[in-house]
Structure formats: structure tokens, C-alpha cells
Amino acid sequence: MNNLSVSVVLVVGAGRVPADLERALLALDQQEWRPDEVIVVLNGARRDVVPETALTLRTVELAGDLGCSPGRNAGAATATTDIVVFSDDDGELIPRSIRAVTECFVHASPTVGAIAGFVSSCLDRDDRVETTGMQPILRFSGGACAVRRHVFELVGGWREARGRGLGHEFDLAVRLWRRGYDVITLPDFVLKHPPRHREHFAELAVDNNSELLRTYFEHFPLPYAMAAAALKLVRDGTQLIKRGELSTVGGMVGACAIGARGGWRAREPLSWRQLAELRRIDGGAPSTRLGT
């Protein structure tokens, strides 16, 4: 039985066309269990991109394009529900997603602080992901995830930084884990998302490395953080060079330096024993992207 209330936060960036958000809202309206409220955060977008809808909807307007994480935090800060679902504004949650998330939180252990969905680029397919179970993970997509609101507030929400990429999500998962909470996968929680363009991945590489290195230096023993940073720079830099994206390499190195300095200033490193436990979780994580 559903006894938890649900909000969905959609962050709309500058340049978004109304048709994208309209499809996202239509998918929410067609959920088996409709959310109690939808919060649309105008992150540099115009107010006229928000279409008419039968959903309970309200808007939060930011002073310009502040980035995904500040936008998600602003939306969650206005939520009054038990659960907050974060979904990409140009994706479509399959009809059973909200019901699956709600039922999972109702029946799961209180130590489950967040649920990770799966992202599909196959818009004409109603996917259900086959996994070995709802195991804990550390890497997931912030465009298809859900949190217990009180737990999200306890750990301080998303880190306030510009940019995109999975580094923000990894940082949130580590902070949840340090407080005794897990992020688990849920096969029936799927976001159908348009395929991304190749140049989009180059942009993500810069943002992603900056946030990952900040997480490494903030949470991990220094020798491990330095080795992981060097490996990531060499591996990702080599891939970018092979693809001829030389201009991106300089931006990535600069962003990584900023990320490392930010993590260094906030260092609260785990013990080596804790790191080993965390690595066991990370090593067993399934992909949160399918159909790509």
C-alpha cells in the first residue's frame, strides 16, 4: 500500500524547447501512480516553456543557468513530500516507475537512502532491466534517481557545482554511504532518453573528471586519490586525443586541477579498511545505461 508522498523535480536548462518538457510531463501524467507534485526548476529557461498540464505543478525560477546540481537542490528544497524523484526534463519515465520507486521505499530497509534508475536511449521500447537484484551501487545517473527527502537533507543534497556528469552522483553516493545509507538499483525505474550527440560526451568528460577528482581527494586516502587521479587523466586524455578532441584535453586538465583543489580543502579521508569496503561495492555496480 502506498503511504509515502512523491515529488518529481525537473530542471529545465536554457535553450530547452517546450516539446521536450511536454513529453516529460505527459509521461508523468501517465504514471500508474501519479506523483503528488511536480517541481519544474527554470535553470536559465523561459517561463513560457512550461506547458499546461493536469498535474499538480509549480515552478522555481533561478537567476540564470546555475547548473544541474544547484537546480536539483533548489527543487528539492521546496518539496514537502517523503520521496523526491529527479528526472531529466527531456526524458520519459516509463509508466510503472513512480509506483516501483514508492513501493521499494515502503518495503526496503530504512538504510536505503536512494534508488538508482536506468537510462535507455531506445525511445520506442518499454524496458525492464534484468539485474541480479537490488544491490548497492555508487555510480548512477542523477537524471533518473530518487531519494528519501530527510536523508537527502541530512547529507547536504547535491554538491553545489556547475557542470554535469556522473561525478556529482558518485560524490552523493559516497556521502550517503558514510552516513550508513545505500543507493540501490531498481529494474522497473527506467527513463527513456534521446541519444546524446558525440560532442556532448566530450563536454561531460570535462565536468565528470572535475567532480570525480574532487571526490577522490575529499574522501579517499591521499596515495589512493593521487594514483586514481593520475590513471583517470592518462586514460581519459588518451581517449580524447585518439578521437582528435585536443581542445577538450586542456579543459579537462584544468577542470581536474580545480576539482582536486576543492577536494583537498575539504579532506575527510576514509580509512583503508573503509576504502576496501567501498571498492567492493563499486566493483559490483551494474551499468545504469542500457540500449545505447
C-alpha atoms as a PDB file:
ATOM      1  CA  MET A   1       0.000   0.000   0.000  1.00  0.00           C
ATOM      2  CA  ASN A   2       1.289   3.475  -0.875  1.00  0.00           C
ATOM      3  CA  ASN A   3       1.736   5.589   2.237  1.00  0.00           C
ATOM      4  CA  LEU A   4       4.588   7.782   1.024  1.00  0.00           C
ATOM      5  CA  SER A   5       4.186  11.011  -0.927  1.00  0.00           C
ATOM      6  CA  VAL A   6       6.283  11.731  -4.019  1.00  0.00           C
ATOM      7  CA  SER A   7       7.621  14.854  -5.726  1.00  0.00           C
ATOM      8  CA  VAL A   8       9.329  14.863  -9.125  1.00  0.00           C
ATOM      9  CA  VAL A   9      11.961  17.532  -9.832  1.00  0.00           C
ATOM     10  CA  LEU A  10      12.676  18.523 -13.449  1.00  0.00           C
ATOM     11  CA  VAL A  11      15.478  21.022 -14.080  1.00  0.00           C
ATOM     12  CA  VAL A  12      14.947  22.883 -17.367  1.00  0.00           C
ATOM     13  CA  GLY A  13      18.065  24.427 -18.870  1.00  0.00           C
ATOM     14  CA  ALA A  14      18.407  27.370 -21.212  1.00  0.00           C
ATOM     15  CA  GLY A  15      17.502  26.593 -24.800  1.00  0.00           C
ATOM     16  CA  ARG A  16      15.102  23.774 -23.976  1.00  0.00           C
ATOM     17  CA  VAL A  17      12.162  23.615 -26.377  1.00  0.00           C
ATOM     18  CA  PRO A  18       8.622  23.257 -24.949  1.00  0.00           C
ATOM     19  CA  ALA A  19       8.037  19.926 -26.735  1.00  0.00           C
ATOM     20  CA  ASP A  20      10.767  18.229 -24.656  1.00  0.00           C
ATOM     21  CA  LEU A  21       9.245  19.229 -21.332  1.00  0.00           C
ATOM     22  CA  GLU A  22       5.751  18.473 -22.610  1.00  0.00           C
ATOM     23  CA  ARG A  23       6.749  14.851 -23.311  1.00  0.00           C
ATOM     24  CA  ALA A  24       8.345  14.536 -19.867  1.00  0.00           C
ATOM     25  CA  LEU A  25       5.200  15.868 -18.172  1.00  0.00           C
ATOM     26  CA  LEU A  26       2.935  13.658 -20.272  1.00  0.00           C
ATOM     27  CA  ALA A  27       4.931  10.615 -19.146  1.00  0.00           C
ATOM     28  CA  LEU A  28       4.405  11.675 -15.515  1.00  0.00           C
ATOM     29  CA  ASP A  29       0.697  12.182 -16.118  1.00  0.00           C
ATOM     30  CA  GLN A  30       0.505   8.621 -17.483  1.00  0.00           C
ATOM     31  CA  GLN A  31       2.184   7.003 -14.471  1.00  0.00           C
ATOM     32  CA  GLU A  32       0.363   4.117 -12.773  1.00  0.00           C
ATOM     33  CA  TRP A  33       0.769   6.171  -9.587  1.00  0.00           C
ATOM     34  CA  ARG A  34       0.913   9.859 -10.404  1.00  0.00           C
ATOM     35  CA  PRO A  35       3.300  11.973  -8.292  1.00  0.00           C
ATOM     36  CA  ASP A  36       1.802  14.225  -5.631  1.00  0.00           C
ATOM     37  CA  GLU A  37       3.570  17.216  -7.120  1.00  0.00           C
ATOM     38  CA  VAL A  38       5.925  18.134  -9.948  1.00  0.00           C
ATOM     39  CA  ILE A  39       8.503  20.874  -9.400  1.00  0.00           C
ATOM     40  CA  VAL A  40       9.888  22.464 -12.558  1.00  0.00           C
ATOM     41  CA  VAL A  41      13.099  24.412 -11.953  1.00  0.00           C
ATOM     42  CA  LEU A  42      13.747  27.078 -14.599  1.00  0.00           C
ATOM     43  CA  ASN A  43      17.532  26.982 -14.743  1.00  0.00           C
ATOM     44  CA  GLY A  44      18.014  29.740 -17.283  1.00  0.00           C
ATOM     45  CA  ALA A  45      14.908  28.687 -19.208  1.00  0.00           C
ATOM     46  CA  ARG A  46      11.985  30.967 -20.016  1.00  0.00           C
ATOM     47  CA  ARG A  47       8.731  30.559 -18.134  1.00  0.00           C
ATOM     48  CA  ASP A  48       6.816  30.013 -21.386  1.00  0.00           C
ATOM     49  CA  VAL A  49       8.490  26.604 -21.922  1.00  0.00           C
ATOM     50  CA  VAL A  50       6.216  25.154 -19.195  1.00  0.00           C
ATOM     51  CA  PRO A  51       3.064  23.752 -20.860  1.00  0.00           C
ATOM     52  CA  GLU A  52      -0.407  23.356 -19.419  1.00  0.00           C
ATOM     53  CA  THR A  53      -0.843  20.086 -17.528  1.00  0.00           C
ATOM     54  CA  ALA A  54      -3.322  18.327 -15.265  1.00  0.00           C
ATOM     55  CA  LEU A  55      -0.522  17.539 -12.819  1.00  0.00           C
ATOM     56  CA  THR A  56      -0.034  19.482  -9.592  1.00  0.00           C
ATOM     57  CA  LEU A  57       2.835  21.638 -10.798  1.00  0.00           C
ATOM     58  CA  ARG A  58       4.761  24.606  -9.534  1.00  0.00           C
ATOM     59  CA  THR A  59       7.851  26.354 -10.796  1.00  0.00           C
ATOM     60  CA  VAL A  60      11.060  27.558  -9.196  1.00  0.00           C
ATOM     61  CA  GLU A  61      12.965  30.210 -11.139  1.00  0.00           C
ATOM     62  CA  LEU A  62      16.732  30.544 -10.732  1.00  0.00           C
ATOM     63  CA  ALA A  63      18.845  33.595 -11.552  1.00  0.00           C
ATOM     64  CA  GLY A  64      20.351  32.227 -14.747  1.00  0.00           C
ATOM     65  CA  ASP A  65      21.867  28.859 -15.640  1.00  0.00           C
ATOM     66  CA  LEU A  66      23.453  27.704 -12.375  1.00  0.00           C
ATOM     67  CA  GLY A  67      23.986  24.062 -13.360  1.00  0.00           C
ATOM     68  CA  CYS A  68      22.185  20.769 -12.784  1.00  0.00           C
ATOM     69  CA  SER A  69      23.087  20.193  -9.146  1.00  0.00           C
ATOM     70  CA  PRO A  70      22.105  23.672  -7.867  1.00  0.00           C
ATOM     71  CA  GLY A  71      18.887  23.326  -9.861  1.00  0.00           C
ATOM     72  CA  ARG A  72      18.084  19.945  -8.349  1.00  0.00           C
ATOM     73  CA  ASN A  73      18.839  21.247  -4.867  1.00  0.00           C
ATOM     74  CA  ALA A  74      16.557  24.248  -5.406  1.00  0.00           C
ATOM     75  CA  GLY A  75      13.723  21.964  -6.480  1.00  0.00           C
ATOM     76  CA  ALA A  76      14.218  19.532  -3.595  1.00  0.00           C
ATOM     77  CA  ALA A  77      14.334  22.426  -1.104  1.00  0.00           C
ATOM     78  CA  THR A  78      10.731  23.315  -1.954  1.00  0.00           C
ATOM     79  CA  ALA A  79       9.456  19.729  -1.805  1.00  0.00           C
ATOM     80  CA  THR A  80       7.217  18.716   1.101  1.00  0.00           C
ATOM     81  CA  THR A  81       6.944  15.016   0.268  1.00  0.00           C
ATOM     82  CA  ASP A  82       8.629  11.898   1.668  1.00  0.00           C
ATOM     83  CA  ILE A  83      10.321  10.994  -1.613  1.00  0.00           C
ATOM     84  CA  VAL A  84      11.957  13.204  -4.234  1.00  0.00           C
ATOM     85  CA  VAL A  85      12.459  11.808  -7.730  1.00  0.00           C
ATOM     86  CA  PHE A  86      14.980  13.537 -10.009  1.00  0.00           C
ATOM     87  CA  SER A  87      14.294  13.067 -13.722  1.00  0.00           C
ATOM     88  CA  ASP A  88      15.769  14.613 -16.855  1.00  0.00           C
ATOM     89  CA  ASP A  89      13.481  17.206 -18.372  1.00  0.00           C
ATOM     90  CA  ASP A  90      13.873  15.736 -21.880  1.00  0.00           C
ATOM     91  CA  GLY A  91      13.331  12.104 -20.875  1.00  0.00           C
ATOM     92  CA  GLU A  92      10.219   9.994 -20.281  1.00  0.00           C
ATOM     93  CA  LEU A  93       9.785   7.782 -17.227  1.00  0.00           C
ATOM     94  CA  ILE A  94       8.087   4.503 -18.143  1.00  0.00           C
ATOM     95  CA  PRO A  95       4.587   4.209 -16.604  1.00  0.00           C
ATOM     96  CA  ARG A  96       5.460   1.965 -13.654  1.00  0.00           C
ATOM     97  CA  SER A  97       8.468   3.995 -12.472  1.00  0.00           C
ATOM     98  CA  ILE A  98       6.851   6.112  -9.717  1.00  0.00           C
ATOM     99  CA  ARG A  99       4.893   3.139  -8.384  1.00  0.00           C
ATOM    100  CA  ALA A 100       8.028   0.964  -8.360  1.00  0.00           C
ATOM    101  CA  VAL A 101      10.049   3.624  -6.527  1.00  0.00           C
ATOM    102  CA  THR A 102       7.327   4.206  -3.926  1.00  0.00           C
ATOM    103  CA  GLU A 103       6.774   0.509  -3.233  1.00  0.00           C
ATOM    104  CA  CYS A 104      10.501  -0.062  -2.980  1.00  0.00           C
ATOM    105  CA  PHE A 105      10.941   2.663  -0.365  1.00  0.00           C
ATOM    106  CA  VAL A 106       7.911   1.362   1.561  1.00  0.00           C
ATOM    107  CA  HIS A 107       9.281  -2.170   1.801  1.00  0.00           C
ATOM    108  CA  ALA A 108      13.049  -1.576   1.751  1.00  0.00           C
ATOM    109  CA  SER A 109      15.283  -1.246   4.763  1.00  0.00           C
ATOM    110  CA  PRO A 110      15.449   2.267   6.267  1.00  0.00           C
ATOM    111  CA  THR A 111      19.142   2.201   5.344  1.00  0.00           C
ATOM    112  CA  VAL A 112      18.202   2.529   1.662  1.00  0.00           C
ATOM    113  CA  GLY A 113      18.620   6.261   1.189  1.00  0.00           C
ATOM    114  CA  ALA A 114      18.384   6.458  -2.594  1.00  0.00           C
ATOM    115  CA  ILE A 115      17.260   4.422  -5.594  1.00  0.00           C
ATOM    116  CA  ALA A 116      19.010   4.491  -8.955  1.00  0.00           C
ATOM    117  CA  GLY A 117      17.032   4.093 -12.130  1.00  0.00           C
ATOM    118  CA  PHE A 118      18.251   3.046 -15.551  1.00  0.00           C
ATOM    119  CA  VAL A 119      18.557   5.218 -18.644  1.00  0.00           C
ATOM    120  CA  SER A 120      17.559   3.905 -22.061  1.00  0.00           C
ATOM    121  CA  SER A 121      18.199   5.612 -25.380  1.00  0.00           C
ATOM    122  CA  CYS A 122      15.647   3.343 -27.075  1.00  0.00           C
ATOM    123  CA  LEU A 123      12.597   5.591 -27.039  1.00  0.00           C
ATOM    124  CA  ASP A 124      10.357   3.047 -28.783  1.00  0.00           C
ATOM    125  CA  ARG A 125      10.887   0.289 -26.246  1.00  0.00           C
ATOM    126  CA  ASP A 126       9.322  -0.191 -22.803  1.00  0.00           C
ATOM    127  CA  ASP A 127      12.341  -1.553 -20.994  1.00  0.00           C
ATOM    128  CA  ARG A 128      12.639  -3.582 -17.865  1.00  0.00           C
ATOM    129  CA  VAL A 129      16.230  -4.073 -16.812  1.00  0.00           C
ATOM    130  CA  GLU A 130      17.369  -7.534 -15.813  1.00  0.00           C
ATOM    131  CA  THR A 131      19.828  -7.374 -12.924  1.00  0.00           C
ATOM    132  CA  THR A 132      20.952  -9.777 -10.230  1.00  0.00           C
ATOM    133  CA  GLY A 133      18.941  -7.882  -7.639  1.00  0.00           C
ATOM    134  CA  MET A 134      18.632  -4.508  -5.967  1.00  0.00           C
ATOM    135  CA  GLN A 135      22.293  -4.371  -4.983  1.00  0.00           C
ATOM    136  CA  PRO A 136      24.083  -1.303  -3.581  1.00  0.00           C
ATOM    137  CA  ILE A 137      25.952   0.824  -6.136  1.00  0.00           C
ATOM    138  CA  LEU A 138      27.981   4.031  -6.186  1.00  0.00           C
ATOM    139  CA  ARG A 139      27.694   5.186  -9.797  1.00  0.00           C
ATOM    140  CA  PHE A 140      24.328   6.145 -11.215  1.00  0.00           C
ATOM    141  CA  SER A 141      22.549   8.807 -13.251  1.00  0.00           C
ATOM    142  CA  GLY A 142      21.196  11.881 -11.481  1.00  0.00           C
ATOM    143  CA  GLY A 143      18.652  12.172 -14.275  1.00  0.00           C
ATOM    144  CA  ALA A 144      16.884   9.015 -13.077  1.00  0.00           C
ATOM    145  CA  CYS A 145      17.114   8.604  -9.316  1.00  0.00           C
ATOM    146  CA  ALA A 146      15.054   9.015  -6.159  1.00  0.00           C
ATOM    147  CA  VAL A 147      15.898   9.875  -2.549  1.00  0.00           C
ATOM    148  CA  ARG A 148      14.283   9.828   0.867  1.00  0.00           C
ATOM    149  CA  ARG A 149      13.956  13.561   1.395  1.00  0.00           C
ATOM    150  CA  HIS A 150      15.047  13.591   5.029  1.00  0.00           C
ATOM    151  CA  VAL A 151      18.148  11.532   4.206  1.00  0.00           C
ATOM    152  CA  PHE A 152      18.975  13.774   1.239  1.00  0.00           C
ATOM    153  CA  GLU A 153      18.772  16.818   3.510  1.00  0.00           C
ATOM    154  CA  LEU A 154      20.866  15.058   6.178  1.00  0.00           C
ATOM    155  CA  VAL A 155      23.840  14.622   3.830  1.00  0.00           C
ATOM    156  CA  GLY A 156      23.538  18.110   2.369  1.00  0.00           C
ATOM    157  CA  GLY A 157      21.993  17.324  -1.019  1.00  0.00           C
ATOM    158  CA  TRP A 158      23.875  17.541  -4.280  1.00  0.00           C
ATOM    159  CA  ARG A 159      27.217  19.273  -4.171  1.00  0.00           C
ATOM    160  CA  GLU A 160      26.737  22.829  -5.411  1.00  0.00           C
ATOM    161  CA  ALA A 161      28.882  22.921  -8.533  1.00  0.00           C
ATOM    162  CA  ARG A 162      28.322  23.727 -12.162  1.00  0.00           C
ATOM    163  CA  GLY A 163      28.513  21.100 -14.825  1.00  0.00           C
ATOM    164  CA  ARG A 164      27.150  17.638 -15.428  1.00  0.00           C
ATOM    165  CA  GLY A 165      28.478  14.089 -15.486  1.00  0.00           C
ATOM    166  CA  LEU A 166      28.365  11.230 -13.022  1.00  0.00           C
ATOM    167  CA  GLY A 167      30.927  12.775 -10.647  1.00  0.00           C
ATOM    168  CA  HIS A 168      28.136  14.577  -8.758  1.00  0.00           C
ATOM    169  CA  GLU A 169      26.262  11.307  -8.288  1.00  0.00           C
ATOM    170  CA  PHE A 170      29.362   9.416  -7.137  1.00  0.00           C
ATOM    171  CA  ASP A 171      30.020  12.098  -4.516  1.00  0.00           C
ATOM    172  CA  LEU A 172      26.427  11.873  -3.238  1.00  0.00           C
ATOM    173  CA  ALA A 173      26.640   8.070  -3.044  1.00  0.00           C
ATOM    174  CA  VAL A 174      29.885   8.241  -1.035  1.00  0.00           C
ATOM    175  CA  ARG A 175      28.396  10.783   1.393  1.00  0.00           C
ATOM    176  CA  LEU A 176      25.286   8.610   1.818  1.00  0.00           C
ATOM    177  CA  TRP A 177      27.460   5.555   2.456  1.00  0.00           C
ATOM    178  CA  ARG A 178      29.479   7.399   5.090  1.00  0.00           C
ATOM    179  CA  ARG A 179      26.223   8.099   6.946  1.00  0.00           C
ATOM    180  CA  GLY A 180      25.155   4.445   6.742  1.00  0.00           C
ATOM    181  CA  TYR A 181      22.827   4.661   3.725  1.00  0.00           C
ATOM    182  CA  ASP A 182      22.895   2.722   0.444  1.00  0.00           C
ATOM    183  CA  VAL A 183      21.973   3.563  -3.136  1.00  0.00           C
ATOM    184  CA  ILE A 184      20.310   0.556  -4.777  1.00  0.00           C
ATOM    185  CA  THR A 185      19.178  -0.239  -8.304  1.00  0.00           C
ATOM    186  CA  LEU A 186      15.551  -0.805  -9.286  1.00  0.00           C
ATOM    187  CA  PRO A 187      14.778  -2.645 -12.563  1.00  0.00           C
ATOM    188  CA  ASP A 188      11.327  -1.072 -13.050  1.00  0.00           C
ATOM    189  CA  PHE A 189      12.611   2.504 -12.697  1.00  0.00           C
ATOM    190  CA  VAL A 190      13.580   3.424 -16.279  1.00  0.00           C
ATOM    191  CA  LEU A 191      13.983   6.750 -18.062  1.00  0.00           C
ATOM    192  CA  LYS A 192      13.729   6.717 -21.844  1.00  0.00           C
ATOM    193  CA  HIS A 193      16.115   9.394 -23.065  1.00  0.00           C
ATOM    194  CA  PRO A 194      17.079  10.699 -26.526  1.00  0.00           C
ATOM    195  CA  PRO A 195      20.553   9.540 -27.654  1.00  0.00           C
ATOM    196  CA  ARG A 196      23.228  12.086 -26.842  1.00  0.00           C
ATOM    197  CA  HIS A 197      25.446  13.595 -29.503  1.00  0.00           C
ATOM    198  CA  ARG A 198      29.119  12.716 -29.561  1.00  0.00           C
ATOM    199  CA  GLU A 199      30.227  16.252 -28.734  1.00  0.00           C
ATOM    200  CA  HIS A 200      28.056  16.082 -25.607  1.00  0.00           C
ATOM    201  CA  PHE A 201      30.243  13.297 -24.231  1.00  0.00           C
ATOM    202  CA  ALA A 202      33.369  15.418 -24.680  1.00  0.00           C
ATOM    203  CA  GLU A 203      31.731  18.153 -22.597  1.00  0.00           C
ATOM    204  CA  LEU A 204      30.715  15.607 -19.970  1.00  0.00           C
ATOM    205  CA  ALA A 205      34.285  14.297 -19.771  1.00  0.00           C
ATOM    206  CA  VAL A 206      35.462  17.683 -18.500  1.00  0.00           C
ATOM    207  CA  ASP A 207      32.727  18.059 -15.880  1.00  0.00           C
ATOM    208  CA  ASN A 208      32.880  14.420 -14.843  1.00  0.00           C
ATOM    209  CA  ASN A 209      36.622  14.358 -14.184  1.00  0.00           C
ATOM    210  CA  SER A 210      36.494  17.559 -12.164  1.00  0.00           C
ATOM    211  CA  GLU A 211      33.840  16.190  -9.809  1.00  0.00           C
ATOM    212  CA  LEU A 212      35.371  12.714  -9.576  1.00  0.00           C
ATOM    213  CA  LEU A 213      38.768  14.104  -8.623  1.00  0.00           C
ATOM    214  CA  ARG A 214      37.174  16.345  -6.028  1.00  0.00           C
ATOM    215  CA  THR A 215      35.502  13.262  -4.531  1.00  0.00           C
ATOM    216  CA  TYR A 216      38.756  11.271  -4.610  1.00  0.00           C
ATOM    217  CA  PHE A 217      40.734  13.930  -2.766  1.00  0.00           C
ATOM    218  CA  GLU A 218      37.978  14.714  -0.268  1.00  0.00           C
ATOM    219  CA  HIS A 219      37.104  11.167   0.778  1.00  0.00           C
ATOM    220  CA  PHE A 220      39.987   8.810  -0.054  1.00  0.00           C
ATOM    221  CA  PRO A 221      43.481   8.241   1.454  1.00  0.00           C
ATOM    222  CA  LEU A 222      45.967  10.512  -0.317  1.00  0.00           C
ATOM    223  CA  PRO A 223      48.095   7.818  -2.055  1.00  0.00           C
ATOM    224  CA  TYR A 224      44.949   6.227  -3.493  1.00  0.00           C
ATOM    225  CA  ALA A 225      43.499   9.581  -4.540  1.00  0.00           C
ATOM    226  CA  MET A 226      46.705  10.579  -6.342  1.00  0.00           C
ATOM    227  CA  ALA A 227      47.023   7.224  -8.125  1.00  0.00           C
ATOM    228  CA  ALA A 228      43.348   7.234  -9.160  1.00  0.00           C
ATOM    229  CA  ALA A 229      43.635  10.814 -10.413  1.00  0.00           C
ATOM    230  CA  ALA A 230      46.729  10.045 -12.488  1.00  0.00           C
ATOM    231  CA  LEU A 231      45.138   6.937 -14.001  1.00  0.00           C
ATOM    232  CA  LYS A 232      41.960   8.794 -14.911  1.00  0.00           C
ATOM    233  CA  LEU A 233      43.815  11.691 -16.509  1.00  0.00           C
ATOM    234  CA  VAL A 234      46.004   9.375 -18.601  1.00  0.00           C
ATOM    235  CA  ARG A 235      43.162   7.065 -19.635  1.00  0.00           C
ATOM    236  CA  ASP A 236      40.583   9.727 -20.493  1.00  0.00           C
ATOM    237  CA  GLY A 237      43.152  12.078 -22.000  1.00  0.00           C
ATOM    238  CA  THR A 238      44.408   9.297 -24.283  1.00  0.00           C
ATOM    239  CA  GLN A 239      40.871   8.532 -25.460  1.00  0.00           C
ATOM    240  CA  LEU A 240      40.217  12.201 -26.241  1.00  0.00           C
ATOM    241  CA  ILE A 241      43.491  12.501 -28.158  1.00  0.00           C
ATOM    242  CA  LYS A 242      42.686   9.388 -30.198  1.00  0.00           C
ATOM    243  CA  ARG A 243      39.337  10.933 -31.134  1.00  0.00           C
ATOM    244  CA  GLY A 244      41.075  14.145 -32.165  1.00  0.00           C
ATOM    245  CA  GLU A 245      39.454  16.217 -29.423  1.00  0.00           C
ATOM    246  CA  LEU A 246      42.667  18.003 -28.443  1.00  0.00           C
ATOM    247  CA  SER A 247      40.912  21.184 -27.329  1.00  0.00           C
ATOM    248  CA  THR A 248      38.954  19.192 -24.757  1.00  0.00           C
ATOM    249  CA  VAL A 249      42.120  17.796 -23.154  1.00  0.00           C
ATOM    250  CA  GLY A 250      43.289  21.190 -21.918  1.00  0.00           C
ATOM    251  CA  GLY A 251      39.875  21.948 -20.481  1.00  0.00           C
ATOM    252  CA  MET A 252      39.764  18.559 -18.765  1.00  0.00           C
ATOM    253  CA  VAL A 253      43.184  19.032 -17.141  1.00  0.00           C
ATOM    254  CA  GLY A 254      42.212  22.497 -15.895  1.00  0.00           C
ATOM    255  CA  ALA A 255      38.883  21.271 -14.551  1.00  0.00           C
ATOM    256  CA  CYS A 256      40.597  18.350 -12.813  1.00  0.00           C
ATOM    257  CA  ALA A 257      43.022  20.711 -11.097  1.00  0.00           C
ATOM    258  CA  ILE A 258      40.087  22.773  -9.799  1.00  0.00           C
ATOM    259  CA  GLY A 259      38.326  19.617  -8.602  1.00  0.00           C
ATOM    260  CA  ALA A 260      41.424  18.293  -6.826  1.00  0.00           C
ATOM    261  CA  ARG A 261      41.974  21.610  -5.025  1.00  0.00           C
ATOM    262  CA  GLY A 262      38.341  21.658  -3.894  1.00  0.00           C
ATOM    263  CA  GLY A 263      38.577  18.123  -2.531  1.00  0.00           C
ATOM    264  CA  TRP A 264      41.896  18.853  -0.825  1.00  0.00           C
ATOM    265  CA  ARG A 265      40.411  21.772   1.104  1.00  0.00           C
ATOM    266  CA  ALA A 266      37.555  19.581   2.404  1.00  0.00           C
ATOM    267  CA  ARG A 267      39.564  16.428   3.144  1.00  0.00           C
ATOM    268  CA  GLU A 268      37.920  13.916   5.499  1.00  0.00           C
ATOM    269  CA  PRO A 269      39.584  10.708   4.265  1.00  0.00           C
ATOM    270  CA  LEU A 270      38.240   7.234   4.877  1.00  0.00           C
ATOM    271  CA  SER A 271      40.408   4.555   6.426  1.00  0.00           C
ATOM    272  CA  TRP A 272      41.974   1.953   4.134  1.00  0.00           C
ATOM    273  CA  ARG A 273      39.556  -0.632   5.528  1.00  0.00           C
ATOM    274  CA  GLN A 274      36.578   1.591   4.696  1.00  0.00           C
ATOM    275  CA  LEU A 275      38.004   2.225   1.247  1.00  0.00           C
ATOM    276  CA  ALA A 276      38.301  -1.518   0.612  1.00  0.00           C
ATOM    277  CA  GLU A 277      34.633  -1.968   1.543  1.00  0.00           C
ATOM    278  CA  LEU A 278      33.621   0.904  -0.694  1.00  0.00           C
ATOM    279  CA  ARG A 279      35.613  -0.526  -3.594  1.00  0.00           C
ATOM    280  CA  ARG A 280      33.795  -3.847  -3.249  1.00  0.00           C
ATOM    281  CA  ILE A 281      30.508  -2.021  -3.760  1.00  0.00           C
ATOM    282  CA  ASP A 282      31.863  -0.003  -6.677  1.00  0.00           C
ATOM    283  CA  GLY A 283      33.303  -3.059  -8.379  1.00  0.00           C
ATOM    284  CA  GLY A 284      29.933  -4.803  -8.391  1.00  0.00           C
ATOM    285  CA  ALA A 285      27.912  -1.906  -9.798  1.00  0.00           C
ATOM    286  CA  PRO A 286      25.804  -2.655 -12.881  1.00  0.00           C
ATOM    287  CA  SER A 287      25.572  -0.167 -15.705  1.00  0.00           C
ATOM    288  CA  THR A 288      22.805   2.398 -15.300  1.00  0.00           C
ATOM    289  CA  ARG A 289      22.605   2.909 -19.055  1.00  0.00           C
ATOM    290  CA  LEU A 290      21.091   0.426 -21.442  1.00  0.00           C
ATOM    291  CA  GLY A 291      20.170   0.272 -25.071  1.00  0.00           C
ATOM    292  CA  THR A 292      22.998   2.620 -26.115  1.00  0.00           C
END
